[in-house]
Amino acid sequence: MDTLAYLFPLLEALIRQFWLASSLHLSAPHESPTLLESFGQECLSERERQVAWLILRGHTGPEMAKELGITLGTLKNHRKRLYAKLNIGSQAELFRQFMLFQHRESRA
């Protein structure tokens, strides 16, 4: 267990680097939507998709609230609703859902 606690910061940093370096950038208006922009489009509100995008990009709660111009409480409400709509309970599950979505879309 101590080994896992020791490795967690390293794993977290590697995951953040992977996601930041991946193709999660928003496309220009004239381009087709990216996978990230399409993720949750059928069930999430625009604001919930913005919150999901920022989470997937590795932003912290305070960073997201500042970026969106909302309070932390409002951010938590958006996050709760998007988790409920996706039937998930954690950030890790959000990453998993996005990875599954990305896999499905790449095969289509």
PDB file of N, CA and C in Angstrom:
ATOM      1  N   MET A   1       0.824  -1.193   0.000  1.00  0.00           N
ATOM      2  CA  MET A   1       0.000   0.000   0.000  1.00  0.00           C
ATOM      3  C   MET A   1       0.867   1.255   0.000  1.00  0.00           C
ATOM      4  N   ASP A   2       1.976   1.226   0.739  1.00  0.00           N
ATOM      5  CA  ASP A   2       2.875   2.377   0.758  1.00  0.00           C
ATOM      6  C   ASP A   2       3.456   2.641  -0.625  1.00  0.00           C
ATOM      7  N   THR A   3       3.689   1.575  -1.378  1.00  0.00           N
ATOM      8  CA  THR A   3       4.223   1.733  -2.728  1.00  0.00           C
ATOM      9  C   THR A   3       3.232   2.488  -3.603  1.00  0.00           C
ATOM     10  N   LEU A   4       1.953   2.155  -3.477  1.00  0.00           N
ATOM     11  CA  LEU A   4       0.940   2.849  -4.265  1.00  0.00           C
ATOM     12  C   LEU A   4       0.861   4.322  -3.883  1.00  0.00           C
ATOM     13  N   ALA A   5       0.915   4.600  -2.599  1.00  0.00           N
ATOM     14  CA  ALA A   5       0.875   5.991  -2.148  1.00  0.00           C
ATOM     15  C   ALA A   5       2.086   6.751  -2.670  1.00  0.00           C
ATOM     16  N   TYR A   6       3.207   6.092  -2.734  1.00  0.00           N
ATOM     17  CA  TYR A   6       4.433   6.699  -3.229  1.00  0.00           C
ATOM     18  C   TYR A   6       4.340   6.965  -4.734  1.00  0.00           C
ATOM     19  N   LEU A   7       3.709   6.053  -5.469  1.00  0.00           N
ATOM     20  CA  LEU A   7       3.624   6.170  -6.921  1.00  0.00           C
ATOM     21  C   LEU A   7       2.502   7.086  -7.403  1.00  0.00           C
ATOM     22  N   PHE A   8       1.521   7.349  -6.553  1.00  0.00           N
ATOM     23  CA  PHE A   8       0.365   8.127  -6.987  1.00  0.00           C
ATOM     24  C   PHE A   8       0.734   9.481  -7.598  1.00  0.00           C
ATOM     25  N   PRO A   9       1.579  10.296  -6.963  1.00  0.00           N
ATOM     26  CA  PRO A   9       1.915  11.588  -7.587  1.00  0.00           C
ATOM     27  C   PRO A   9       2.560  11.437  -8.966  1.00  0.00           C
ATOM     28  N   LEU A  10       3.392  10.429  -9.122  1.00  0.00           N
ATOM     29  CA  LEU A  10       4.022  10.190 -10.413  1.00  0.00           C
ATOM     30  C   LEU A  10       2.982   9.793 -11.455  1.00  0.00           C
ATOM     31  N   LEU A  11       2.104   8.870 -11.092  1.00  0.00           N
ATOM     32  CA  LEU A  11       1.059   8.440 -12.017  1.00  0.00           C
ATOM     33  C   LEU A  11       0.133   9.595 -12.388  1.00  0.00           C
ATOM     34  N   GLU A  12      -0.222  10.385 -11.396  1.00  0.00           N
ATOM     35  CA  GLU A  12      -1.092  11.532 -11.657  1.00  0.00           C
ATOM     36  C   GLU A  12      -0.430  12.500 -12.636  1.00  0.00           C
ATOM     37  N   ALA A  13       0.843  12.774 -12.442  1.00  0.00           N
ATOM     38  CA  ALA A  13       1.566  13.682 -13.335  1.00  0.00           C
ATOM     39  C   ALA A  13       1.648  13.115 -14.750  1.00  0.00           C
ATOM     40  N   LEU A  14       1.898  11.824 -14.860  1.00  0.00           N
ATOM     41  CA  LEU A  14       1.969  11.195 -16.181  1.00  0.00           C
ATOM     42  C   LEU A  14       0.622  11.238 -16.896  1.00  0.00           C
ATOM     43  N   ILE A  15      -0.434  10.985 -16.162  1.00  0.00           N
ATOM     44  CA  ILE A  15      -1.772  11.021 -16.760  1.00  0.00           C
ATOM     45  C   ILE A  15      -2.096  12.435 -17.230  1.00  0.00           C
ATOM     46  N   ARG A  16      -1.784  13.418 -16.401  1.00  0.00           N
ATOM     47  CA  ARG A  16      -2.027  14.812 -16.807  1.00  0.00           C
ATOM     48  C   ARG A  16      -1.252  15.149 -18.074  1.00  0.00           C
ATOM     49  N   GLN A  17       0.009  14.745 -18.137  1.00  0.00           N
ATOM     50  CA  GLN A  17       0.815  15.025 -19.319  1.00  0.00           C
ATOM     51  C   GLN A  17       0.237  14.348 -20.554  1.00  0.00           C
ATOM     52  N   PHE A  18      -0.217  13.113 -20.391  1.00  0.00           N
ATOM     53  CA  PHE A  18      -0.814  12.400 -21.514  1.00  0.00           C
ATOM     54  C   PHE A  18      -2.024  13.147 -22.044  1.00  0.00           C
ATOM     55  N   TRP A  19      -2.913  13.532 -21.140  1.00  0.00           N
ATOM     56  CA  TRP A  19      -4.140  14.195 -21.567  1.00  0.00           C
ATOM     57  C   TRP A  19      -3.861  15.568 -22.142  1.00  0.00           C
ATOM     58  N   LEU A  20      -2.918  16.283 -21.569  1.00  0.00           N
ATOM     59  CA  LEU A  20      -2.605  17.608 -22.089  1.00  0.00           C
ATOM     60  C   LEU A  20      -1.938  17.518 -23.453  1.00  0.00           C
ATOM     61  N   ALA A  21      -1.173  16.461 -23.672  1.00  0.00           N
ATOM     62  CA  ALA A  21      -0.464  16.307 -24.938  1.00  0.00           C
ATOM     63  C   ALA A  21      -1.316  15.646 -26.014  1.00  0.00           C
ATOM     64  N   SER A  22      -2.429  15.069 -25.619  1.00  0.00           N
ATOM     65  CA  SER A  22      -3.261  14.361 -26.596  1.00  0.00           C
ATOM     66  C   SER A  22      -4.072  15.340 -27.429  1.00  0.00           C
ATOM     67  N   SER A  23      -4.862  14.810 -28.289  1.00  0.00           N
ATOM     68  CA  SER A  23      -5.621  15.645 -29.226  1.00  0.00           C
ATOM     69  C   SER A  23      -6.937  16.105 -28.632  1.00  0.00           C
ATOM     70  N   LEU A  24      -6.898  16.721 -27.474  1.00  0.00           N
ATOM     71  CA  LEU A  24      -8.118  17.187 -26.832  1.00  0.00           C
ATOM     72  C   LEU A  24      -8.376  18.663 -27.093  1.00  0.00           C
ATOM     73  N   HIS A  25      -7.666  19.242 -28.032  1.00  0.00           N
ATOM     74  CA  HIS A  25      -7.839  20.658 -28.319  1.00  0.00           C
ATOM     75  C   HIS A  25      -9.136  20.884 -29.076  1.00  0.00           C
ATOM     76  N   LEU A  26      -9.778  21.993 -28.788  1.00  0.00           N
ATOM     77  CA  LEU A  26     -10.992  22.336 -29.520  1.00  0.00           C
ATOM     78  C   LEU A  26     -10.624  22.695 -30.951  1.00  0.00           C
ATOM     79  N   SER A  27     -11.454  22.290 -31.868  1.00  0.00           N
ATOM     80  CA  SER A  27     -11.191  22.583 -33.267  1.00  0.00           C
ATOM     81  C   SER A  27     -11.598  24.013 -33.590  1.00  0.00           C
ATOM     82  N   ALA A  28     -11.075  24.502 -34.676  1.00  0.00           N
ATOM     83  CA  ALA A  28     -11.477  25.821 -35.163  1.00  0.00           C
ATOM     84  C   ALA A  28     -12.918  25.722 -35.648  1.00  0.00           C
ATOM     85  N   PRO A  29     -13.648  26.841 -35.676  1.00  0.00           N
ATOM     86  CA  PRO A  29     -15.061  26.807 -36.054  1.00  0.00           C
ATOM     87  C   PRO A  29     -15.339  26.169 -37.409  1.00  0.00           C
ATOM     88  N   HIS A  30     -14.411  26.282 -38.351  1.00  0.00           N
ATOM     89  CA  HIS A  30     -14.644  25.743 -39.687  1.00  0.00           C
ATOM     90  C   HIS A  30     -14.312  24.257 -39.800  1.00  0.00           C
ATOM     91  N   GLU A  31     -13.703  23.683 -38.766  1.00  0.00           N
ATOM     92  CA  GLU A  31     -13.340  22.272 -38.790  1.00  0.00           C
ATOM     93  C   GLU A  31     -14.458  21.427 -38.185  1.00  0.00           C
ATOM     94  N   SER A  32     -14.400  20.136 -38.451  1.00  0.00           N
ATOM     95  CA  SER A  32     -15.381  19.253 -37.836  1.00  0.00           C
ATOM     96  C   SER A  32     -15.106  19.168 -36.338  1.00  0.00           C
ATOM     97  N   PRO A  33     -16.133  18.902 -35.539  1.00  0.00           N
ATOM     98  CA  PRO A  33     -15.941  18.858 -34.085  1.00  0.00           C
ATOM     99  C   PRO A  33     -14.964  17.761 -33.674  1.00  0.00           C
ATOM    100  N   THR A  34     -14.199  18.037 -32.639  1.00  0.00           N
ATOM    101  CA  THR A  34     -13.290  17.031 -32.110  1.00  0.00           C
ATOM    102  C   THR A  34     -14.089  16.042 -31.279  1.00  0.00           C
ATOM    103  N   LEU A  35     -13.450  14.950 -30.937  1.00  0.00           N
ATOM    104  CA  LEU A  35     -14.105  13.963 -30.081  1.00  0.00           C
ATOM    105  C   LEU A  35     -14.495  14.578 -28.753  1.00  0.00           C
ATOM    106  N   LEU A  36     -13.643  15.434 -28.234  1.00  0.00           N
ATOM    107  CA  LEU A  36     -13.934  16.045 -26.944  1.00  0.00           C
ATOM    108  C   LEU A  36     -15.185  16.907 -27.013  1.00  0.00           C
ATOM    109  N   GLU A  37     -15.337  17.654 -28.097  1.00  0.00           N
ATOM    110  CA  GLU A  37     -16.529  18.489 -28.241  1.00  0.00           C
ATOM    111  C   GLU A  37     -17.782  17.641 -28.412  1.00  0.00           C
ATOM    112  N   SER A  38     -17.633  16.468 -29.000  1.00  0.00           N
ATOM    113  CA  SER A  38     -18.776  15.587 -29.240  1.00  0.00           C
ATOM    114  C   SER A  38     -19.151  14.768 -28.013  1.00  0.00           C
ATOM    115  N   PHE A  39     -18.213  14.598 -27.106  1.00  0.00           N
ATOM    116  CA  PHE A  39     -18.440  13.759 -25.929  1.00  0.00           C
ATOM    117  C   PHE A  39     -19.585  14.310 -25.084  1.00  0.00           C
ATOM    118  N   GLY A  40     -20.598  13.492 -24.850  1.00  0.00           N
ATOM    119  CA  GLY A  40     -21.730  13.875 -24.014  1.00  0.00           C
ATOM    120  C   GLY A  40     -22.737  14.777 -24.684  1.00  0.00           C
ATOM    121  N   GLN A  41     -22.551  15.036 -25.955  1.00  0.00           N
ATOM    122  CA  GLN A  41     -23.400  15.982 -26.672  1.00  0.00           C
ATOM    123  C   GLN A  41     -24.878  15.596 -26.634  1.00  0.00           C
ATOM    124  N   GLU A  42     -25.147  14.298 -26.609  1.00  0.00           N
ATOM    125  CA  GLU A  42     -26.538  13.845 -26.642  1.00  0.00           C
ATOM    126  C   GLU A  42     -27.260  13.982 -25.307  1.00  0.00           C
ATOM    127  N   CYS A  43     -26.517  14.129 -24.201  1.00  0.00           N
ATOM    128  CA  CYS A  43     -27.207  14.165 -22.906  1.00  0.00           C
ATOM    129  C   CYS A  43     -26.779  15.306 -21.981  1.00  0.00           C
ATOM    130  N   LEU A  44     -25.651  15.936 -22.239  1.00  0.00           N
ATOM    131  CA  LEU A  44     -25.165  16.992 -21.350  1.00  0.00           C
ATOM    132  C   LEU A  44     -25.492  18.373 -21.904  1.00  0.00           C
ATOM    133  N   SER A  45     -25.720  19.309 -20.988  1.00  0.00           N
ATOM    134  CA  SER A  45     -25.903  20.700 -21.407  1.00  0.00           C
ATOM    135  C   SER A  45     -24.551  21.250 -21.870  1.00  0.00           C
ATOM    136  N   GLU A  46     -24.593  22.383 -22.518  1.00  0.00           N
ATOM    137  CA  GLU A  46     -23.347  23.000 -22.985  1.00  0.00           C
ATOM    138  C   GLU A  46     -22.407  23.274 -21.811  1.00  0.00           C
ATOM    139  N   ARG A  47     -22.938  23.784 -20.707  1.00  0.00           N
ATOM    140  CA  ARG A  47     -22.108  24.089 -19.538  1.00  0.00           C
ATOM    141  C   ARG A  47     -21.524  22.810 -18.940  1.00  0.00           C
ATOM    142  N   GLU A  48     -22.318  21.755 -18.876  1.00  0.00           N
ATOM    143  CA  GLU A  48     -21.813  20.483 -18.354  1.00  0.00           C
ATOM    144  C   GLU A  48     -20.708  19.935 -19.246  1.00  0.00           C
ATOM    145  N   ARG A  49     -20.846  20.106 -20.552  1.00  0.00           N
ATOM    146  CA  ARG A  49     -19.786  19.673 -21.466  1.00  0.00           C
ATOM    147  C   ARG A  49     -18.527  20.519 -21.267  1.00  0.00           C
ATOM    148  N   GLN A  50     -18.698  21.810 -20.994  1.00  0.00           N
ATOM    149  CA  GLN A  50     -17.537  22.665 -20.717  1.00  0.00           C
ATOM    150  C   GLN A  50     -16.815  22.194 -19.462  1.00  0.00           C
ATOM    151  N   VAL A  51     -17.581  21.852 -18.436  1.00  0.00           N
ATOM    152  CA  VAL A  51     -16.989  21.353 -17.189  1.00  0.00           C
ATOM    153  C   VAL A  51     -16.263  20.037 -17.457  1.00  0.00           C
ATOM    154  N   ALA A  52     -16.900  19.140 -18.199  1.00  0.00           N
ATOM    155  CA  ALA A  52     -16.264  17.857 -18.530  1.00  0.00           C
ATOM    156  C   ALA A  52     -14.964  18.099 -19.296  1.00  0.00           C
ATOM    157  N   TRP A  53     -14.993  19.007 -20.253  1.00  0.00           N
ATOM    158  CA  TRP A  53     -13.803  19.329 -21.046  1.00  0.00           C
ATOM    159  C   TRP A  53     -12.670  19.798 -20.145  1.00  0.00           C
ATOM    160  N   LEU A  54     -12.985  20.691 -19.215  1.00  0.00           N
ATOM    161  CA  LEU A  54     -11.949  21.208 -18.317  1.00  0.00           C
ATOM    162  C   LEU A  54     -11.422  20.120 -17.381  1.00  0.00           C
ATOM    163  N   ILE A  55     -12.302  19.253 -16.910  1.00  0.00           N
ATOM    164  CA  ILE A  55     -11.858  18.133 -16.069  1.00  0.00           C
ATOM    165  C   ILE A  55     -10.908  17.247 -16.863  1.00  0.00           C
ATOM    166  N   LEU A  56     -11.309  16.909 -18.079  1.00  0.00           N
ATOM    167  CA  LEU A  56     -10.481  16.043 -18.916  1.00  0.00           C
ATOM    168  C   LEU A  56      -9.155  16.697 -19.286  1.00  0.00           C
ATOM    169  N   ARG A  57      -9.117  18.003 -19.287  1.00  0.00           N
ATOM    170  CA  ARG A  57      -7.877  18.736 -19.567  1.00  0.00           C
ATOM    171  C   ARG A  57      -6.999  18.864 -18.325  1.00  0.00           C
ATOM    172  N   GLY A  58      -7.495  18.395 -17.171  1.00  0.00           N
ATOM    173  CA  GLY A  58      -6.676  18.379 -15.968  1.00  0.00           C
ATOM    174  C   GLY A  58      -6.761  19.608 -15.088  1.00  0.00           C
ATOM    175  N   HIS A  59      -7.765  20.451 -15.305  1.00  0.00           N
ATOM    176  CA  HIS A  59      -7.913  21.657 -14.490  1.00  0.00           C
ATOM    177  C   HIS A  59      -8.423  21.326 -13.091  1.00  0.00           C
ATOM    178  N   THR A  60      -8.023  22.121 -12.131  1.00  0.00           N
ATOM    179  CA  THR A  60      -8.521  21.978 -10.765  1.00  0.00           C
ATOM    180  C   THR A  60      -9.865  22.685 -10.643  1.00  0.00           C
ATOM    181  N   GLY A  61     -10.565  22.424  -9.543  1.00  0.00           N
ATOM    182  CA  GLY A  61     -11.847  23.082  -9.300  1.00  0.00           C
ATOM    183  C   GLY A  61     -11.750  24.600  -9.346  1.00  0.00           C
ATOM    184  N   PRO A  62     -10.828  25.203  -8.589  1.00  0.00           N
ATOM    185  CA  PRO A  62     -10.710  26.663  -8.637  1.00  0.00           C
ATOM    186  C   PRO A  62     -10.361  27.195 -10.031  1.00  0.00           C
ATOM    187  N   GLU A  63      -9.524  26.472 -10.762  1.00  0.00           N
ATOM    188  CA  GLU A  63      -9.186  26.897 -12.130  1.00  0.00           C
ATOM    189  C   GLU A  63     -10.424  26.867 -13.024  1.00  0.00           C
ATOM    190  N   MET A  64     -11.218  25.804 -12.879  1.00  0.00           N
ATOM    191  CA  MET A  64     -12.425  25.684 -13.703  1.00  0.00           C
ATOM    192  C   MET A  64     -13.416  26.792 -13.375  1.00  0.00           C
ATOM    193  N   ALA A  65     -13.621  27.040 -12.087  1.00  0.00           N
ATOM    194  CA  ALA A  65     -14.565  28.079 -11.673  1.00  0.00           C
ATOM    195  C   ALA A  65     -14.140  29.439 -12.231  1.00  0.00           C
ATOM    196  N   LYS A  66     -12.857  29.731 -12.144  1.00  0.00           N
ATOM    197  CA  LYS A  66     -12.351  31.005 -12.663  1.00  0.00           C
ATOM    198  C   LYS A  66     -12.526  31.082 -14.176  1.00  0.00           C
ATOM    199  N   GLU A  67     -12.173  30.017 -14.865  1.00  0.00           N
ATOM    200  CA  GLU A  67     -12.289  29.972 -16.331  1.00  0.00           C
ATOM    201  C   GLU A  67     -13.732  30.185 -16.788  1.00  0.00           C
ATOM    202  N   LEU A  68     -14.673  29.593 -16.050  1.00  0.00           N
ATOM    203  CA  LEU A  68     -16.086  29.674 -16.428  1.00  0.00           C
ATOM    204  C   LEU A  68     -16.798  30.885 -15.829  1.00  0.00           C
ATOM    205  N   GLY A  69     -16.129  31.585 -14.918  1.00  0.00           N
ATOM    206  CA  GLY A  69     -16.732  32.759 -14.295  1.00  0.00           C
ATOM    207  C   GLY A  69     -17.868  32.412 -13.349  1.00  0.00           C
ATOM    208  N   ILE A  70     -17.708  31.296 -12.627  1.00  0.00           N
ATOM    209  CA  ILE A  70     -18.739  30.840 -11.692  1.00  0.00           C
ATOM    210  C   ILE A  70     -18.098  30.540 -10.340  1.00  0.00           C
ATOM    211  N   THR A  71     -18.928  30.347  -9.328  1.00  0.00           N
ATOM    212  CA  THR A  71     -18.405  30.006  -8.004  1.00  0.00           C
ATOM    213  C   THR A  71     -18.087  28.515  -7.943  1.00  0.00           C
ATOM    214  N   LEU A  72     -17.311  28.139  -6.932  1.00  0.00           N
ATOM    215  CA  LEU A  72     -17.009  26.719  -6.735  1.00  0.00           C
ATOM    216  C   LEU A  72     -18.281  25.918  -6.469  1.00  0.00           C
ATOM    217  N   GLY A  73     -19.224  26.509  -5.752  1.00  0.00           N
ATOM    218  CA  GLY A  73     -20.492  25.830  -5.481  1.00  0.00           C
ATOM    219  C   GLY A  73     -21.264  25.530  -6.752  1.00  0.00           C
ATOM    220  N   THR A  74     -21.313  26.505  -7.648  1.00  0.00           N
ATOM    221  CA  THR A  74     -21.994  26.301  -8.932  1.00  0.00           C
ATOM    222  C   THR A  74     -21.265  25.246  -9.750  1.00  0.00           C
ATOM    223  N   LEU A  75     -19.946  25.291  -9.720  1.00  0.00           N
ATOM    224  CA  LEU A  75     -19.156  24.285 -10.424  1.00  0.00           C
ATOM    225  C   LEU A  75     -19.477  22.890  -9.894  1.00  0.00           C
ATOM    226  N   LYS A  76     -19.552  22.756  -8.578  1.00  0.00           N
ATOM    227  CA  LYS A  76     -19.869  21.454  -7.982  1.00  0.00           C
ATOM    228  C   LYS A  76     -21.242  20.970  -8.433  1.00  0.00           C
ATOM    229  N   ASN A  77     -22.198  21.890  -8.544  1.00  0.00           N
ATOM    230  CA  ASN A  77     -23.533  21.507  -9.021  1.00  0.00           C
ATOM    231  C   ASN A  77     -23.487  21.002 -10.461  1.00  0.00           C
ATOM    232  N   HIS A  78     -22.760  21.702 -11.316  1.00  0.00           N
ATOM    233  CA  HIS A  78     -22.625  21.258 -12.713  1.00  0.00           C
ATOM    234  C   HIS A  78     -21.951  19.887 -12.769  1.00  0.00           C
ATOM    235  N   ARG A  79     -20.932  19.726 -11.949  1.00  0.00           N
ATOM    236  CA  ARG A  79     -20.194  18.463 -11.929  1.00  0.00           C
ATOM    237  C   ARG A  79     -21.094  17.316 -11.460  1.00  0.00           C
ATOM    238  N   LYS A  80     -21.879  17.562 -10.412  1.00  0.00           N
ATOM    239  CA  LYS A  80     -22.806  16.535  -9.917  1.00  0.00           C
ATOM    240  C   LYS A  80     -23.806  16.138 -10.994  1.00  0.00           C
ATOM    241  N   ARG A  81     -24.345  17.138 -11.694  1.00  0.00           N
ATOM    242  CA  ARG A  81     -25.332  16.840 -12.737  1.00  0.00           C
ATOM    243  C   ARG A  81     -24.712  16.064 -13.895  1.00  0.00           C
ATOM    244  N   LEU A  82     -23.511  16.449 -14.303  1.00  0.00           N
ATOM    245  CA  LEU A  82     -22.902  15.722 -15.422  1.00  0.00           C
ATOM    246  C   LEU A  82     -22.548  14.302 -15.004  1.00  0.00           C
ATOM    247  N   TYR A  83     -22.095  14.108 -13.777  1.00  0.00           N
ATOM    248  CA  TYR A  83     -21.814  12.757 -13.291  1.00  0.00           C
ATOM    249  C   TYR A  83     -23.103  11.934 -13.251  1.00  0.00           C
ATOM    250  N   ALA A  84     -24.186  12.544 -12.781  1.00  0.00           N
ATOM    251  CA  ALA A  84     -25.466  11.826 -12.709  1.00  0.00           C
ATOM    252  C   ALA A  84     -25.955  11.447 -14.105  1.00  0.00           C
ATOM    253  N   LYS A  85     -25.857  12.372 -15.044  1.00  0.00           N
ATOM    254  CA  LYS A  85     -26.323  12.097 -16.405  1.00  0.00           C
ATOM    255  C   LYS A  85     -25.498  11.008 -17.082  1.00  0.00           C
ATOM    256  N   LEU A  86     -24.210  10.936 -16.748  1.00  0.00           N
ATOM    257  CA  LEU A  86     -23.347   9.907 -17.331  1.00  0.00           C
ATOM    258  C   LEU A  86     -23.326   8.636 -16.481  1.00  0.00           C
ATOM    259  N   ASN A  87     -24.058   8.675 -15.366  1.00  0.00           N
ATOM    260  CA  ASN A  87     -24.141   7.532 -14.449  1.00  0.00           C
ATOM    261  C   ASN A  87     -22.756   7.124 -13.939  1.00  0.00           C
ATOM    262  N   ILE A  88     -21.997   8.127 -13.506  1.00  0.00           N
ATOM    263  CA  ILE A  88     -20.659   7.897 -12.965  1.00  0.00           C
ATOM    264  C   ILE A  88     -20.559   8.578 -11.602  1.00  0.00           C
ATOM    265  N   GLY A  89     -19.495   8.275 -10.875  1.00  0.00           N
ATOM    266  CA  GLY A  89     -19.357   8.855  -9.553  1.00  0.00           C
ATOM    267  C   GLY A  89     -18.004   9.464  -9.263  1.00  0.00           C
ATOM    268  N   SER A  90     -17.123   9.494 -10.267  1.00  0.00           N
ATOM    269  CA  SER A  90     -15.793  10.030  -9.997  1.00  0.00           C
ATOM    270  C   SER A  90     -15.142  10.556 -11.271  1.00  0.00           C
ATOM    271  N   GLN A  91     -14.083  11.301 -11.060  1.00  0.00           N
ATOM    272  CA  GLN A  91     -13.308  11.826 -12.179  1.00  0.00           C
ATOM    273  C   GLN A  91     -12.675  10.681 -12.968  1.00  0.00           C
ATOM    274  N   ALA A  92     -12.224   9.660 -12.265  1.00  0.00           N
ATOM    275  CA  ALA A  92     -11.629   8.503 -12.942  1.00  0.00           C
ATOM    276  C   ALA A  92     -12.642   7.853 -13.884  1.00  0.00           C
ATOM    277  N   GLU A  93     -13.890   7.769 -13.443  1.00  0.00           N
ATOM    278  CA  GLU A  93     -14.926   7.191 -14.301  1.00  0.00           C
ATOM    279  C   GLU A  93     -15.211   8.090 -15.499  1.00  0.00           C
ATOM    280  N   LEU A  94     -15.086   9.398 -15.321  1.00  0.00           N
ATOM    281  CA  LEU A  94     -15.258  10.318 -16.447  1.00  0.00           C
ATOM    282  C   LEU A  94     -14.176  10.059 -17.493  1.00  0.00           C
ATOM    283  N   PHE A  95     -12.938   9.903 -17.044  1.00  0.00           N
ATOM    284  CA  PHE A  95     -11.847   9.585 -17.969  1.00  0.00           C
ATOM    285  C   PHE A  95     -12.130   8.272 -18.687  1.00  0.00           C
ATOM    286  N   ARG A  96     -12.609   7.287 -17.947  1.00  0.00           N
ATOM    287  CA  ARG A  96     -12.922   5.988 -18.543  1.00  0.00           C
ATOM    288  C   ARG A  96     -14.024   6.124 -19.586  1.00  0.00           C
ATOM    289  N   GLN A  97     -15.077   6.868 -19.249  1.00  0.00           N
ATOM    290  CA  GLN A  97     -16.177   7.081 -20.195  1.00  0.00           C
ATOM    291  C   GLN A  97     -15.668   7.755 -21.467  1.00  0.00           C
ATOM    292  N   PHE A  98     -14.804   8.751 -21.298  1.00  0.00           N
ATOM    293  CA  PHE A  98     -14.281   9.439 -22.473  1.00  0.00           C
ATOM    294  C   PHE A  98     -13.419   8.505 -23.313  1.00  0.00           C
ATOM    295  N   MET A  99     -12.604   7.700 -22.659  1.00  0.00           N
ATOM    296  CA  MET A  99     -11.753   6.769 -23.404  1.00  0.00           C
ATOM    297  C   MET A  99     -12.597   5.749 -24.168  1.00  0.00           C
ATOM    298  N   LEU A 100     -13.665   5.252 -23.558  1.00  0.00           N
ATOM    299  CA  LEU A 100     -14.568   4.328 -24.248  1.00  0.00           C
ATOM    300  C   LEU A 100     -15.249   5.023 -25.424  1.00  0.00           C
ATOM    301  N   PHE A 101     -15.679   6.259 -25.211  1.00  0.00           N
ATOM    302  CA  PHE A 101     -16.301   7.045 -26.275  1.00  0.00           C
ATOM    303  C   PHE A 101     -15.318   7.236 -27.429  1.00  0.00           C
ATOM    304  N   GLN A 102     -14.095   7.594 -27.086  1.00  0.00           N
ATOM    305  CA  GLN A 102     -13.061   7.815 -28.091  1.00  0.00           C
ATOM    306  C   GLN A 102     -12.809   6.531 -28.886  1.00  0.00           C
ATOM    307  N   HIS A 103     -12.773   5.411 -28.191  1.00  0.00           N
ATOM    308  CA  HIS A 103     -12.554   4.124 -28.847  1.00  0.00           C
ATOM    309  C   HIS A 103     -13.704   3.796 -29.803  1.00  0.00           C
ATOM    310  N   ARG A 104     -14.942   3.978 -29.328  1.00  0.00           N
ATOM    311  CA  ARG A 104     -16.114   3.705 -30.177  1.00  0.00           C
ATOM    312  C   ARG A 104     -16.115   4.590 -31.417  1.00  0.00           C
ATOM    313  N   GLU A 105     -15.822   5.868 -31.222  1.00  0.00           N
ATOM    314  CA  GLU A 105     -15.850   6.808 -32.342  1.00  0.00           C
ATOM    315  C   GLU A 105     -14.744   6.526 -33.358  1.00  0.00           C
ATOM    316  N   SER A 106     -13.604   6.073 -32.880  1.00  0.00           N
ATOM    317  CA  SER A 106     -12.498   5.793 -33.800  1.00  0.00           C
ATOM    318  C   SER A 106     -12.782   4.555 -34.648  1.00  0.00           C
ATOM    319  N   ARG A 107     -13.668   3.695 -34.163  1.00  0.00           N
ATOM    320  CA  ARG A 107     -14.017   2.484 -34.905  1.00  0.00           C
ATOM    321  C   ARG A 107     -15.177   2.723 -35.863  1.00  0.00           C
ATOM    322  N   ALA A 108     -15.877   3.840 -35.696  1.00  0.00           N
ATOM    323  CA  ALA A 108     -17.059   4.120 -36.534  1.00  0.00           C
ATOM    324  C   ALA A 108     -16.668   4.619 -37.910  1.00  0.00           C
TER     325      ALA A 108
END
